[in-house]
Protein backbone atom coordinates (compact mmCIF):
# COMPACT_ATOMS: atom_id res chain seq x y z
CA MET A 1 59.74 47.36 79.57
CA GLU A 2 57.54 51.03 79.23
CA ASN A 3 55.53 51.92 81.64
CA SER A 4 52.71 54.07 79.80
CA SER A 5 52.09 54.22 75.79
CA ALA A 6 53.67 57.94 75.81
CA ASP A 7 57.19 55.82 76.12
CA ARG A 8 56.58 53.66 73.43
CA ASP A 9 58.24 54.41 70.26
CA PHE A 10 55.93 54.51 67.70
CA GLY A 11 57.57 56.42 65.09
CA ALA A 12 60.54 53.53 64.68
CA TYR A 13 58.04 51.30 65.28
CA ASN A 14 55.72 52.69 61.93
CA ILE A 15 58.92 53.00 59.88
CA ALA A 16 60.04 49.65 59.80
CA GLN A 17 56.13 48.49 58.93
CA GLN A 18 56.89 50.04 55.12
CA GLY A 19 56.61 47.11 52.91
CA ARG A 20 54.68 44.66 55.30
CA PRO A 21 51.89 42.35 54.01
CA LEU A 22 48.39 43.54 54.58
CA ARG A 23 47.04 42.43 58.15
CA PRO A 24 44.86 39.20 57.48
CA LEU A 25 42.19 41.61 60.08
CA ALA A 26 41.17 44.23 57.34
CA LYS A 27 40.55 41.25 55.04
CA ARG A 28 38.53 40.02 57.35
CA ALA A 29 36.41 42.91 58.20
CA VAL A 30 35.54 43.60 54.56
CA GLU A 31 34.70 40.09 53.84
CA ALA A 32 32.06 40.19 56.99
CA ARG A 33 30.65 43.07 55.58
CA SER A 34 26.75 41.65 54.30
CA ALA A 35 26.25 44.59 52.08
CA PRO A 36 27.66 45.52 49.23
CA VAL A 37 30.42 48.53 49.34
CA GLU A 38 28.90 51.52 47.28
CA ALA A 39 31.65 53.74 46.85
CA ALA A 40 29.16 56.88 48.02
CA ALA A 41 28.05 55.64 50.50
CA CYS A 42 30.12 53.49 52.70
CA VAL A 43 32.53 54.51 55.28
CA ALA A 44 35.43 52.85 56.89
CA VAL A 45 37.44 54.22 60.05
CA GLU A 46 40.72 52.84 61.13
CA LEU A 47 42.00 53.74 64.61
CA GLY A 48 45.99 53.37 64.65
CA SER A 49 46.68 53.53 60.51
CA GLY A 50 50.63 53.62 60.75
CA VAL A 51 51.46 54.04 56.86
CA GLY A 52 48.31 53.07 56.20
CA ILE A 53 48.67 50.32 54.68
CA GLU A 54 45.20 48.86 55.85
CA ALA A 55 43.73 52.09 55.18
CA ALA A 56 44.92 51.94 50.82
CA TYR A 57 43.17 48.37 51.40
CA LEU A 58 40.07 49.68 52.52
CA ALA A 59 39.82 52.69 49.93
CA ASN A 60 40.56 50.09 47.33
CA ALA A 61 37.71 47.83 48.46
CA GLY A 62 35.10 50.84 47.85
CA PHE A 63 35.05 52.97 51.61
CA ARG A 64 35.61 56.62 52.68
CA VAL A 65 38.32 55.87 54.76
CA HIS A 66 39.09 58.57 57.85
CA SER A 67 41.88 57.10 59.51
CA TYR A 68 43.18 58.16 62.95
CA ASP A 69 47.22 57.92 64.62
CA VAL A 70 49.18 58.91 67.24
CA ASP A 71 52.22 59.05 65.35
CA PRO A 72 52.77 62.72 63.43
CA GLY A 73 55.76 60.94 61.67
CA VAL A 74 52.94 59.24 59.16
CA GLU A 75 51.60 62.58 57.74
CA GLU A 76 53.58 62.35 54.77
CA ALA A 77 52.62 59.09 53.76
CA MET A 78 48.92 59.40 54.13
CA ARG A 79 48.85 63.04 52.53
CA ALA A 80 50.47 60.97 49.28
CA LEU A 81 48.08 58.09 49.87
CA ALA A 82 45.06 60.78 49.67
CA GLU A 83 46.33 62.43 46.75
CA SER A 84 44.90 59.03 44.77
CA HIS A 85 42.81 57.41 47.64
CA PRO A 86 39.69 58.90 49.46
CA ILE A 87 41.10 58.82 52.60
CA GLN A 88 41.00 61.45 55.62
CA HIS A 89 43.97 61.33 58.12
CA ARG A 90 44.18 62.90 61.31
CA THR A 91 47.17 62.98 63.88
CA VAL A 92 45.43 62.24 67.13
CA ARG A 93 45.92 60.03 70.19
CA LEU A 94 42.90 57.73 70.46
CA GLU A 95 41.79 58.64 74.01
CA GLU A 96 41.13 62.47 73.15
CA LEU A 97 38.75 61.83 70.22
CA THR A 98 35.36 63.16 70.79
CA GLU A 99 33.52 62.04 67.76
CA LEU A 100 34.21 59.76 64.92
CA PRO A 101 31.97 59.85 61.58
CA ASP A 102 29.49 57.11 60.56
CA ALA A 103 30.74 53.92 59.71
CA ASP A 104 30.19 50.84 58.03
CA VAL A 105 33.48 49.35 59.18
CA ILE A 106 35.55 49.93 62.01
CA LEU A 107 39.33 48.54 62.09
CA SER A 108 42.22 48.67 64.59
CA CYS A 109 44.86 46.08 64.46
CA ALA A 110 47.09 45.59 67.57
CA THR A 111 46.40 49.46 68.37
CA LEU A 112 43.65 49.46 70.96
CA PRO A 113 45.45 47.99 73.46
CA PHE A 114 48.01 50.79 73.96
CA VAL A 115 44.69 53.36 74.88
CA PRO A 116 45.45 54.37 78.79
CA ARG A 117 42.42 52.53 80.44
CA ALA A 118 41.28 55.20 82.33
CA GLY A 119 40.09 56.86 78.86
CA PHE A 120 38.87 53.16 77.24
CA ALA A 121 35.60 53.29 78.11
CA ASP A 122 34.89 56.67 76.78
CA LEU A 123 36.81 55.77 73.44
CA TRP A 124 34.78 52.16 73.25
CA GLN A 125 31.58 53.85 73.77
CA LEU A 126 32.26 56.43 71.04
CA ILE A 127 33.55 53.13 68.66
CA ARG A 128 29.96 51.50 69.15
CA ASP A 129 28.07 54.67 68.59
CA ALA A 130 29.71 55.23 65.40
CA LEU A 131 28.85 51.68 63.65
CA ARG A 132 26.13 51.86 61.91
CA ARG A 133 23.54 48.93 61.65
CA GLY A 134 25.17 46.11 60.09
CA GLY A 135 28.71 47.41 60.23
CA VAL A 136 31.31 45.59 60.80
CA LEU A 137 33.88 46.20 63.87
CA ALA A 138 37.43 44.58 63.66
CA VAL A 139 40.00 44.89 65.98
CA ASP A 140 43.20 43.35 68.03
CA LEU A 141 43.12 43.22 71.76
CA PHE A 142 45.75 42.20 74.24
CA GLY A 143 44.62 39.96 77.10
CA GLN A 144 45.59 40.12 81.08
CA ARG A 145 48.16 37.45 81.09
CA ASP A 146 50.11 39.43 77.84
CA ASP A 147 53.72 40.84 79.08
CA TRP A 148 52.90 44.13 78.63
CA ALA A 149 49.36 43.97 80.84
CA GLY A 150 49.97 46.08 84.15
CA THR A 151 51.17 49.00 82.21
CA ASP A 152 48.60 51.88 81.36
CA GLY A 153 47.12 50.00 78.50
CA PHE A 154 43.84 48.22 78.09
CA TYR A 155 44.22 44.36 78.75
CA PRO A 156 40.57 43.20 80.05
CA GLY A 157 40.54 39.67 81.03
CA ARG A 158 37.51 37.46 79.21
CA ALA A 159 34.71 38.53 81.53
CA GLU A 160 35.03 42.45 80.86
CA LEU A 161 35.87 41.40 77.23
CA ASP A 162 32.46 40.00 77.04
CA GLY A 163 30.78 42.88 78.78
CA LEU A 164 32.26 44.95 75.97
CA LEU A 165 30.88 42.99 73.16
CA ALA A 166 27.03 43.41 74.65
CA GLY A 167 24.76 43.46 72.42
CA LEU A 168 26.63 43.11 69.33
CA ASP A 169 26.52 40.05 66.88
CA VAL A 170 30.16 38.57 67.46
CA LEU A 171 31.08 37.01 64.38
CA ALA A 172 34.52 35.96 65.46
CA LEU A 173 36.15 35.74 68.76
CA ASP A 174 39.83 34.51 68.50
CA GLU A 175 41.82 34.13 71.94
CA ARG A 176 45.21 32.86 71.50
CA GLU A 177 48.50 32.50 74.32
CA TYR A 178 52.19 32.26 73.32
CA ASP A 179 55.49 33.39 73.34
CA GLY A 180 56.93 34.92 70.59
CA ARG A 181 58.56 38.54 69.47
CA SER A 182 57.59 42.14 69.47
CA PHE A 183 59.24 44.92 67.84
CA SER A 184 60.77 45.45 71.61
CA GLY A 185 62.25 41.97 71.53
CA PRO A 186 61.04 38.21 73.48
CA LYS A 187 57.41 38.66 74.63
CA HIS A 188 54.37 36.87 75.66
CA TRP A 189 51.13 37.41 73.93
CA HIS A 190 48.35 37.02 75.35
CA THR A 191 45.71 38.52 72.22
CA PHE A 192 41.93 38.42 71.35
CA GLN A 193 40.93 38.94 67.67
CA LEU A 194 37.61 40.51 67.31
CA ILE A 195 34.77 40.68 64.74
CA ALA A 196 31.40 41.36 65.55
CA ARG A 197 28.60 43.02 63.70
CA ARG A 198 25.76 45.92 65.19
CA ALA A 199 22.70 44.41 64.05
């Protein structure tokens, strides 16, 4: 098992994602918006874009998209998407971000658990500060009983998760625990899928 996010082969993972279906969390995030999407004004942020499947969906839904990913191997795919979609992409470790654009939707599918715990609080505050009033936050997190808990990522218990959500209108919080597979092999999963709105 990898002991740190830096040990994980995100490049190989992203290559394997080519052609996969849209993650349902992206669709749920767009559907959770209470206001109509106006292309001239609405902004979406995606943290952990991979090859841009969700970024393209958000752009096609009418958002100007700011995407971020640690893997430089996805830059070519993101540049190709940006030729026909309103997408701005940046290669960066998420814990090194110092600002985010004000956003109507912030999406992060199965990425935030790999942010080192030491940098998570500052990133989470950045995310909350960037979320506009009425904006939707949709993220996957892995919990403390996940097989990867104990590495340097962020794996909260329920009480810690409740603290992160203080002041947000929680629209959905789905907790699951099951045995399955990951990209690297068999794994016990403990997941939280969260959709929340800033009042």
